[in-house]
Amino acid sequence: MTTFDDREQAFEKKYAHDAEMQFKAEARRNKKLGLWAAEKMSIAGEAADAYAQEVIASDFEEAGDEDVFRKVAADFAEKGIEVSETELRVKMAELMVLAKGEVMTEAE
């Protein structure tokens, strides 16, 4: 193999690793978001865990975070819980930073 081939394989491995870490971080963020939302909706115990799994599953509807945002926002509206779009988006961003930190720590 040439040096170019070695570098190409290294870049491909790094890309795959980065994509896997991003997927894990998003799933973790979604679980944390689901548990946070469940608490706001007075859902506890196994029902809260089940709700968090629903939030995780909602992320597979389309690329990006909008599917997760819409699910949680709709659930809040259905329960009559006042959470602004800004508050929900800020919470998602905060939880993403936390989730990425946890995933990176575990990867070391």
C-alpha atoms as a PDB file:
ATOM      1  CA  MET A   1       0.000   0.000   0.000  1.00  0.00           C
ATOM      2  CA  THR A   2       1.078   3.528  -0.628  1.00  0.00           C
ATOM      3  CA  THR A   3       1.177   6.302   1.905  1.00  0.00           C
ATOM      4  CA  PHE A   4      -1.820   7.833   0.147  1.00  0.00           C
ATOM      5  CA  ASP A   5      -3.834   4.622   0.620  1.00  0.00           C
ATOM      6  CA  ASP A   6      -2.859   4.497   4.289  1.00  0.00           C
ATOM      7  CA  ARG A   7      -3.944   8.099   4.809  1.00  0.00           C
ATOM      8  CA  GLU A   8      -7.212   7.462   2.986  1.00  0.00           C
ATOM      9  CA  GLN A   9      -7.981   4.469   5.203  1.00  0.00           C
ATOM     10  CA  ALA A  10      -7.103   6.479   8.308  1.00  0.00           C
ATOM     11  CA  PHE A  11      -9.485   9.266   7.248  1.00  0.00           C
ATOM     12  CA  GLU A  12     -12.243   6.737   6.547  1.00  0.00           C
ATOM     13  CA  LYS A  13     -11.775   5.154   9.974  1.00  0.00           C
ATOM     14  CA  LYS A  14     -11.816   8.566  11.654  1.00  0.00           C
ATOM     15  CA  TYR A  15     -14.980   9.543   9.789  1.00  0.00           C
ATOM     16  CA  ALA A  16     -16.695   6.294  10.805  1.00  0.00           C
ATOM     17  CA  HIS A  17     -15.580   6.757  14.416  1.00  0.00           C
ATOM     18  CA  ASP A  18     -16.778  10.375  14.502  1.00  0.00           C
ATOM     19  CA  ALA A  19     -20.148   9.387  13.009  1.00  0.00           C
ATOM     20  CA  GLU A  20     -20.555   6.641  15.611  1.00  0.00           C
ATOM     21  CA  MET A  21     -19.701   9.045  18.457  1.00  0.00           C
ATOM     22  CA  GLN A  22     -22.198  11.601  17.116  1.00  0.00           C
ATOM     23  CA  PHE A  23     -24.922   8.942  16.908  1.00  0.00           C
ATOM     24  CA  LYS A  24     -24.243   7.824  20.483  1.00  0.00           C
ATOM     25  CA  ALA A  25     -24.246  11.416  21.729  1.00  0.00           C
ATOM     26  CA  GLU A  26     -27.552  12.182  19.998  1.00  0.00           C
ATOM     27  CA  ALA A  27     -29.173   9.042  21.401  1.00  0.00           C
ATOM     28  CA  ARG A  28     -27.925   9.902  24.884  1.00  0.00           C
ATOM     29  CA  ARG A  29     -29.121  13.494  24.533  1.00  0.00           C
ATOM     30  CA  ASN A  30     -32.531  12.255  23.424  1.00  0.00           C
ATOM     31  CA  LYS A  31     -32.783   9.943  26.431  1.00  0.00           C
ATOM     32  CA  LYS A  32     -31.850  12.766  28.778  1.00  0.00           C
ATOM     33  CA  LEU A  33     -34.344  15.036  27.037  1.00  0.00           C
ATOM     34  CA  GLY A  34     -37.042  12.391  27.369  1.00  0.00           C
ATOM     35  CA  LEU A  35     -36.369  11.993  31.082  1.00  0.00           C
ATOM     36  CA  TRP A  36     -36.383  15.772  31.564  1.00  0.00           C
ATOM     37  CA  ALA A  37     -39.655  16.091  29.645  1.00  0.00           C
ATOM     38  CA  ALA A  38     -41.171  13.171  31.543  1.00  0.00           C
ATOM     39  CA  GLU A  39     -40.369  14.891  34.828  1.00  0.00           C
ATOM     40  CA  LYS A  40     -42.019  18.096  33.597  1.00  0.00           C
ATOM     41  CA  MET A  41     -45.112  16.042  32.649  1.00  0.00           C
ATOM     42  CA  SER A  42     -45.123  14.287  36.056  1.00  0.00           C
ATOM     43  CA  ILE A  43     -44.237  10.924  34.533  1.00  0.00           C
ATOM     44  CA  ALA A  44     -42.041   8.791  36.764  1.00  0.00           C
ATOM     45  CA  GLY A  45     -40.459   5.364  37.071  1.00  0.00           C
ATOM     46  CA  GLU A  46     -40.808   2.871  34.258  1.00  0.00           C
ATOM     47  CA  ALA A  47     -43.230   5.165  32.440  1.00  0.00           C
ATOM     48  CA  ALA A  48     -40.516   7.865  32.325  1.00  0.00           C
ATOM     49  CA  ASP A  49     -38.023   5.364  30.929  1.00  0.00           C
ATOM     50  CA  ALA A  50     -40.581   4.249  28.339  1.00  0.00           C
ATOM     51  CA  TYR A  51     -41.216   7.868  27.363  1.00  0.00           C
ATOM     52  CA  ALA A  52     -37.463   8.461  26.998  1.00  0.00           C
ATOM     53  CA  GLN A  53     -37.332   5.479  24.629  1.00  0.00           C
ATOM     54  CA  GLU A  54     -40.161   7.058  22.583  1.00  0.00           C
ATOM     55  CA  VAL A  55     -38.119  10.260  22.306  1.00  0.00           C
ATOM     56  CA  ILE A  56     -35.073   8.265  21.172  1.00  0.00           C
ATOM     57  CA  ALA A  57     -37.195   6.447  18.570  1.00  0.00           C
ATOM     58  CA  SER A  58     -38.658   9.717  17.282  1.00  0.00           C
ATOM     59  CA  ASP A  59     -35.186  10.726  16.082  1.00  0.00           C
ATOM     60  CA  PHE A  60     -35.342   8.099  13.337  1.00  0.00           C
ATOM     61  CA  GLU A  61     -38.210   9.828  11.505  1.00  0.00           C
ATOM     62  CA  GLU A  62     -35.976  12.267   9.629  1.00  0.00           C
ATOM     63  CA  ALA A  63     -32.464  13.670   9.643  1.00  0.00           C
ATOM     64  CA  GLY A  64     -31.709  16.365  12.194  1.00  0.00           C
ATOM     65  CA  ASP A  65     -33.264  17.304  15.495  1.00  0.00           C
ATOM     66  CA  GLU A  66     -36.606  18.670  14.321  1.00  0.00           C
ATOM     67  CA  ASP A  67     -38.415  15.339  14.679  1.00  0.00           C
ATOM     68  CA  VAL A  68     -37.352  15.107  18.332  1.00  0.00           C
ATOM     69  CA  PHE A  69     -38.245  18.752  18.938  1.00  0.00           C
ATOM     70  CA  ARG A  70     -41.703  18.311  17.394  1.00  0.00           C
ATOM     71  CA  LYS A  71     -42.442  15.183  19.435  1.00  0.00           C
ATOM     72  CA  VAL A  72     -41.534  16.709  22.788  1.00  0.00           C
ATOM     73  CA  ALA A  73     -43.208  20.046  21.972  1.00  0.00           C
ATOM     74  CA  ALA A  74     -46.399  18.247  20.887  1.00  0.00           C
ATOM     75  CA  ASP A  75     -46.402  16.135  24.051  1.00  0.00           C
ATOM     76  CA  PHE A  76     -46.007  19.240  26.200  1.00  0.00           C
ATOM     77  CA  ALA A  77     -48.861  20.937  24.332  1.00  0.00           C
ATOM     78  CA  GLU A  78     -51.056  17.852  24.720  1.00  0.00           C
ATOM     79  CA  LYS A  79     -50.456  17.860  28.483  1.00  0.00           C
ATOM     80  CA  GLY A  80     -50.973  21.634  28.706  1.00  0.00           C
ATOM     81  CA  ILE A  81     -47.420  22.299  29.862  1.00  0.00           C
ATOM     82  CA  GLU A  82     -46.026  25.699  28.959  1.00  0.00           C
ATOM     83  CA  VAL A  83     -42.513  25.332  27.548  1.00  0.00           C
ATOM     84  CA  SER A  84     -41.365  27.868  24.988  1.00  0.00           C
ATOM     85  CA  GLU A  85     -39.638  26.886  21.783  1.00  0.00           C
ATOM     86  CA  THR A  86     -36.529  28.689  23.000  1.00  0.00           C
ATOM     87  CA  GLU A  87     -36.515  26.869  26.341  1.00  0.00           C
ATOM     88  CA  LEU A  88     -36.854  23.497  24.641  1.00  0.00           C
ATOM     89  CA  ARG A  89     -34.133  24.224  22.073  1.00  0.00           C
ATOM     90  CA  VAL A  90     -31.772  25.541  24.767  1.00  0.00           C
ATOM     91  CA  LYS A  91     -32.390  22.410  26.849  1.00  0.00           C
ATOM     92  CA  MET A  92     -31.657  20.229  23.819  1.00  0.00           C
ATOM     93  CA  ALA A  93     -28.390  22.112  23.235  1.00  0.00           C
ATOM     94  CA  GLU A  94     -27.373  21.881  26.907  1.00  0.00           C
ATOM     95  CA  LEU A  95     -28.084  18.159  27.001  1.00  0.00           C
ATOM     96  CA  MET A  96     -26.141  17.624  23.768  1.00  0.00           C
ATOM     97  CA  VAL A  97     -23.038  19.205  25.307  1.00  0.00           C
ATOM     98  CA  LEU A  98     -23.454  16.996  28.372  1.00  0.00           C
ATOM     99  CA  ALA A  99     -24.043  13.862  26.292  1.00  0.00           C
ATOM    100  CA  LYS A 100     -21.016  14.529  24.064  1.00  0.00           C
ATOM    101  CA  GLY A 101     -18.841  14.968  27.134  1.00  0.00           C
ATOM    102  CA  GLU A 102     -20.047  11.675  28.583  1.00  0.00           C
ATOM    103  CA  VAL A 103     -19.551   9.792  25.307  1.00  0.00           C
ATOM    104  CA  MET A 104     -16.049  11.207  24.856  1.00  0.00           C
ATOM    105  CA  THR A 105     -15.116  10.308  28.447  1.00  0.00           C
ATOM    106  CA  GLU A 106     -16.312   6.740  27.933  1.00  0.00           C
ATOM    107  CA  ALA A 107     -14.361   6.450  24.675  1.00  0.00           C
ATOM    108  CA  GLU A 108     -11.039   7.227  26.362  1.00  0.00           C
END
